[in-house]
Amino acid sequence: MAVILAFMGFILSSHQWILFLSGLTPLEGLIIYYIILYVTLYILSQLGLVVLGIKIKEPLQTFGLLLITFAFFIVVDWESAYVQYVTIGSLEGASPVFLQSEDGAVFWVWQQLLPAAPVETWRILTYVLTPFILTLIGGLIASEKIKLG
């Protein structure tokens, strides 16, 4: 695993990769990031991953775990335009790559959906409502209390 992570670090920190990401929207970059994360979690689940006493064995459980992980990183990443707004006083000027994080992409999506809303509304939707809903759904899926399909 150490060699695999080192190899991934080498590739995913290359100039070409970062410049490729720089040309994507926050949502597009996040989707690529989460494809990588899902594949990693799926491989770990096949190797016996257990989370909070629940053996992750089904692809749908991996998806539930992915939703919980997504919600967690919304809350602790601090890489959104909102952080730019709080620290610099402007929503503009951050590299698109920074905004391809969980909170960056979710904040961006809320901005696109509700362009006239105040910044504080986008903050509450991003950092409170979205993680709450994703964790609830992800926990139910990972614990197999609900099944999709």
C-alpha atoms as a PDB file:
ATOM      1  CA  MET A   1       0.000   0.000   0.000  1.00  0.00           C
ATOM      2  CA  ALA A   2       2.864   2.379   0.794  1.00  0.00           C
ATOM      3  CA  VAL A   3       4.310   1.917  -2.708  1.00  0.00           C
ATOM      4  CA  ILE A   4       0.923   2.439  -4.332  1.00  0.00           C
ATOM      5  CA  LEU A   5       0.319   5.680  -2.392  1.00  0.00           C
ATOM      6  CA  ALA A   6       3.820   6.901  -3.205  1.00  0.00           C
ATOM      7  CA  PHE A   7       3.223   6.189  -6.903  1.00  0.00           C
ATOM      8  CA  MET A   8      -0.154   7.945  -6.778  1.00  0.00           C
ATOM      9  CA  GLY A   9       1.478  10.924  -5.052  1.00  0.00           C
ATOM     10  CA  PHE A  10       4.108  11.118  -7.787  1.00  0.00           C
ATOM     11  CA  ILE A  11       1.524  11.045 -10.600  1.00  0.00           C
ATOM     12  CA  LEU A  12      -1.150  13.182  -8.963  1.00  0.00           C
ATOM     13  CA  SER A  13       1.267  15.971  -8.031  1.00  0.00           C
ATOM     14  CA  SER A  14       2.773  16.251 -11.526  1.00  0.00           C
ATOM     15  CA  HIS A  15       2.562  19.543 -13.393  1.00  0.00           C
ATOM     16  CA  GLN A  16       0.551  17.911 -16.180  1.00  0.00           C
ATOM     17  CA  TRP A  17      -2.057  16.523 -13.777  1.00  0.00           C
ATOM     18  CA  ILE A  18      -2.484  19.769 -11.848  1.00  0.00           C
ATOM     19  CA  LEU A  19      -2.725  21.804 -15.070  1.00  0.00           C
ATOM     20  CA  PHE A  20      -5.321  19.333 -16.368  1.00  0.00           C
ATOM     21  CA  LEU A  21      -7.356  19.819 -13.174  1.00  0.00           C
ATOM     22  CA  SER A  22      -6.975  23.578 -13.480  1.00  0.00           C
ATOM     23  CA  GLY A  23      -9.025  23.502 -16.682  1.00  0.00           C
ATOM     24  CA  LEU A  24     -12.001  21.813 -15.034  1.00  0.00           C
ATOM     25  CA  THR A  25     -14.953  23.250 -13.130  1.00  0.00           C
ATOM     26  CA  PRO A  26     -15.113  22.580  -9.386  1.00  0.00           C
ATOM     27  CA  LEU A  27     -17.678  19.837  -9.970  1.00  0.00           C
ATOM     28  CA  GLU A  28     -15.749  18.137 -12.804  1.00  0.00           C
ATOM     29  CA  GLY A  29     -12.543  18.057 -10.756  1.00  0.00           C
ATOM     30  CA  LEU A  30     -14.378  16.713  -7.738  1.00  0.00           C
ATOM     31  CA  ILE A  31     -15.921  13.915  -9.805  1.00  0.00           C
ATOM     32  CA  ILE A  32     -12.461  12.787 -10.931  1.00  0.00           C
ATOM     33  CA  TYR A  33     -11.234  12.977  -7.340  1.00  0.00           C
ATOM     34  CA  TYR A  34     -14.161  10.869  -6.133  1.00  0.00           C
ATOM     35  CA  ILE A  35     -13.704   8.259  -8.833  1.00  0.00           C
ATOM     36  CA  ILE A  36     -10.164   7.801  -7.500  1.00  0.00           C
ATOM     37  CA  LEU A  37     -11.446   7.719  -3.898  1.00  0.00           C
ATOM     38  CA  TYR A  38     -14.273   5.259  -4.649  1.00  0.00           C
ATOM     39  CA  VAL A  39     -11.918   2.861  -6.439  1.00  0.00           C
ATOM     40  CA  THR A  40      -9.521   3.064  -3.480  1.00  0.00           C
ATOM     41  CA  LEU A  41     -12.322   2.415  -0.948  1.00  0.00           C
ATOM     42  CA  TYR A  42     -13.654  -0.439  -3.057  1.00  0.00           C
ATOM     43  CA  ILE A  43     -10.240  -2.101  -3.186  1.00  0.00           C
ATOM     44  CA  LEU A  44      -9.886  -1.655   0.590  1.00  0.00           C
ATOM     45  CA  SER A  45     -13.348  -3.165   1.097  1.00  0.00           C
ATOM     46  CA  GLN A  46     -12.266  -6.215  -0.866  1.00  0.00           C
ATOM     47  CA  LEU A  47      -9.292  -6.455   1.493  1.00  0.00           C
ATOM     48  CA  GLY A  48     -11.575  -6.506   4.581  1.00  0.00           C
ATOM     49  CA  LEU A  49     -12.321  -2.840   5.391  1.00  0.00           C
ATOM     50  CA  VAL A  50     -14.385  -2.419   8.577  1.00  0.00           C
ATOM     51  CA  VAL A  51     -15.847   0.948   9.586  1.00  0.00           C
ATOM     52  CA  LEU A  52     -17.511   1.428  12.972  1.00  0.00           C
ATOM     53  CA  GLY A  53     -17.884  -2.328  13.308  1.00  0.00           C
ATOM     54  CA  ILE A  54     -19.563  -2.701   9.912  1.00  0.00           C
ATOM     55  CA  LYS A  55     -17.790  -4.866   7.362  1.00  0.00           C
ATOM     56  CA  ILE A  56     -17.861  -3.058   4.051  1.00  0.00           C
ATOM     57  CA  LYS A  57     -18.389  -5.832   1.533  1.00  0.00           C
ATOM     58  CA  GLU A  58     -20.837  -4.571  -1.094  1.00  0.00           C
ATOM     59  CA  PRO A  59     -20.279  -1.824  -3.694  1.00  0.00           C
ATOM     60  CA  LEU A  60     -23.376  -0.033  -2.369  1.00  0.00           C
ATOM     61  CA  GLN A  61     -21.908  -0.012   1.148  1.00  0.00           C
ATOM     62  CA  THR A  62     -18.750   1.487  -0.337  1.00  0.00           C
ATOM     63  CA  PHE A  63     -20.952   4.189  -1.861  1.00  0.00           C
ATOM     64  CA  GLY A  64     -22.521   4.866   1.550  1.00  0.00           C
ATOM     65  CA  LEU A  65     -19.057   5.158   3.078  1.00  0.00           C
ATOM     66  CA  LEU A  66     -18.120   7.511   0.240  1.00  0.00           C
ATOM     67  CA  LEU A  67     -21.090   9.767   1.100  1.00  0.00           C
ATOM     68  CA  ILE A  68     -20.020   9.883   4.760  1.00  0.00           C
ATOM     69  CA  THR A  69     -16.437  10.639   3.733  1.00  0.00           C
ATOM     70  CA  PHE A  70     -17.695  13.366   1.405  1.00  0.00           C
ATOM     71  CA  ALA A  71     -19.730  14.947   4.203  1.00  0.00           C
ATOM     72  CA  PHE A  72     -16.759  14.793   6.589  1.00  0.00           C
ATOM     73  CA  PHE A  73     -14.467  16.551   4.134  1.00  0.00           C
ATOM     74  CA  ILE A  74     -17.050  19.255   3.414  1.00  0.00           C
ATOM     75  CA  VAL A  75     -16.806  20.177   7.073  1.00  0.00           C
ATOM     76  CA  VAL A  76     -13.003  20.028   7.486  1.00  0.00           C
ATOM     77  CA  ASP A  77     -11.475  20.995   4.106  1.00  0.00           C
ATOM     78  CA  TRP A  78     -11.795  24.804   4.139  1.00  0.00           C
ATOM     79  CA  GLU A  79     -11.063  25.087   0.413  1.00  0.00           C
ATOM     80  CA  SER A  80     -14.124  26.849  -0.941  1.00  0.00           C
ATOM     81  CA  ALA A  81     -14.859  30.282  -2.320  1.00  0.00           C
ATOM     82  CA  TYR A  82     -16.441  30.933   1.079  1.00  0.00           C
ATOM     83  CA  VAL A  83     -13.020  30.593   2.733  1.00  0.00           C
ATOM     84  CA  GLN A  84     -11.650  32.973   0.082  1.00  0.00           C
ATOM     85  CA  TYR A  85     -14.496  35.355   0.926  1.00  0.00           C
ATOM     86  CA  VAL A  86     -13.853  35.222   4.686  1.00  0.00           C
ATOM     87  CA  THR A  87     -10.056  35.578   4.453  1.00  0.00           C
ATOM     88  CA  ILE A  88      -9.692  37.906   1.452  1.00  0.00           C
ATOM     89  CA  GLY A  89     -13.114  39.544   1.214  1.00  0.00           C
ATOM     90  CA  SER A  90     -13.836  38.292  -2.307  1.00  0.00           C
ATOM     91  CA  LEU A  91     -15.309  35.184  -3.896  1.00  0.00           C
ATOM     92  CA  GLU A  92     -12.971  35.612  -6.877  1.00  0.00           C
ATOM     93  CA  GLY A  93      -9.338  34.785  -7.488  1.00  0.00           C
ATOM     94  CA  ALA A  94      -8.806  31.262  -6.177  1.00  0.00           C
ATOM     95  CA  SER A  95      -7.350  28.575  -8.432  1.00  0.00           C
ATOM     96  CA  PRO A  96     -10.039  26.246  -9.800  1.00  0.00           C
ATOM     97  CA  VAL A  97      -8.048  23.323  -8.366  1.00  0.00           C
ATOM     98  CA  PHE A  98      -8.636  24.593  -4.813  1.00  0.00           C
ATOM     99  CA  LEU A  99     -12.362  24.709  -5.493  1.00  0.00           C
ATOM    100  CA  GLN A 100     -12.440  21.058  -6.622  1.00  0.00           C
ATOM    101  CA  SER A 101     -12.574  19.946  -3.005  1.00  0.00           C
ATOM    102  CA  GLU A 102     -15.740  18.729  -1.330  1.00  0.00           C
ATOM    103  CA  ASP A 103     -16.681  22.041   0.213  1.00  0.00           C
ATOM    104  CA  GLY A 104     -15.423  23.980  -2.804  1.00  0.00           C
ATOM    105  CA  ALA A 105     -17.578  22.076  -5.278  1.00  0.00           C
ATOM    106  CA  VAL A 106     -20.664  22.006  -3.035  1.00  0.00           C
ATOM    107  CA  PHE A 107     -20.377  25.757  -2.361  1.00  0.00           C
ATOM    108  CA  TRP A 108     -19.983  26.322  -6.128  1.00  0.00           C
ATOM    109  CA  VAL A 109     -23.052  24.172  -6.907  1.00  0.00           C
ATOM    110  CA  TRP A 110     -25.173  26.136  -4.406  1.00  0.00           C
ATOM    111  CA  GLN A 111     -23.889  29.380  -5.953  1.00  0.00           C
ATOM    112  CA  GLN A 112     -24.973  28.137  -9.393  1.00  0.00           C
ATOM    113  CA  LEU A 113     -28.383  26.942  -8.164  1.00  0.00           C
ATOM    114  CA  LEU A 114     -29.165  30.039  -6.071  1.00  0.00           C
ATOM    115  CA  PRO A 115     -27.152  32.892  -7.623  1.00  0.00           C
ATOM    116  CA  ALA A 116     -29.127  35.640  -5.879  1.00  0.00           C
ATOM    117  CA  ALA A 117     -28.817  34.112  -2.402  1.00  0.00           C
ATOM    118  CA  PRO A 118     -26.570  35.774   0.176  1.00  0.00           C
ATOM    119  CA  VAL A 119     -23.180  34.211   0.962  1.00  0.00           C
ATOM    120  CA  GLU A 120     -24.422  33.150   4.400  1.00  0.00           C
ATOM    121  CA  THR A 121     -27.163  31.032   2.782  1.00  0.00           C
ATOM    122  CA  TRP A 122     -24.565  29.262   0.608  1.00  0.00           C
ATOM    123  CA  ARG A 123     -22.492  28.672   3.770  1.00  0.00           C
ATOM    124  CA  ILE A 124     -25.382  27.049   5.663  1.00  0.00           C
ATOM    125  CA  LEU A 125     -26.371  24.924   2.652  1.00  0.00           C
ATOM    126  CA  THR A 126     -22.744  23.836   2.115  1.00  0.00           C
ATOM    127  CA  TYR A 127     -21.434  23.281   5.635  1.00  0.00           C
ATOM    128  CA  VAL A 128     -24.602  22.305   7.531  1.00  0.00           C
ATOM    129  CA  LEU A 129     -27.444  20.965   5.384  1.00  0.00           C
ATOM    130  CA  THR A 130     -25.450  19.040   2.759  1.00  0.00           C
ATOM    131  CA  PRO A 131     -23.221  17.118   5.243  1.00  0.00           C
ATOM    132  CA  PHE A 132     -26.248  16.335   7.417  1.00  0.00           C
ATOM    133  CA  ILE A 133     -28.187  14.807   4.533  1.00  0.00           C
ATOM    134  CA  LEU A 134     -25.192  12.966   3.036  1.00  0.00           C
ATOM    135  CA  THR A 135     -24.185  11.451   6.389  1.00  0.00           C
ATOM    136  CA  LEU A 136     -27.733  10.329   7.106  1.00  0.00           C
ATOM    137  CA  ILE A 137     -28.108   8.665   3.700  1.00  0.00           C
ATOM    138  CA  GLY A 138     -24.554   7.277   3.696  1.00  0.00           C
ATOM    139  CA  GLY A 139     -24.944   5.767   7.158  1.00  0.00           C
ATOM    140  CA  LEU A 140     -28.188   4.081   6.225  1.00  0.00           C
ATOM    141  CA  ILE A 141     -26.671   2.677   3.025  1.00  0.00           C
ATOM    142  CA  ALA A 142     -23.378   1.539   4.644  1.00  0.00           C
ATOM    143  CA  SER A 143     -25.234  -0.196   7.476  1.00  0.00           C
ATOM    144  CA  GLU A 144     -27.539  -1.814   4.903  1.00  0.00           C
ATOM    145  CA  LYS A 145     -30.628  -0.371   6.608  1.00  0.00           C
ATOM    146  CA  ILE A 146     -31.746   0.942   3.217  1.00  0.00           C
ATOM    147  CA  LYS A 147     -30.936  -0.434  -0.196  1.00  0.00           C
ATOM    148  CA  LEU A 148     -31.057   1.429  -3.471  1.00  0.00           C
ATOM    149  CA  GLY A 149     -32.662  -0.718  -6.120  1.00  0.00           C
END
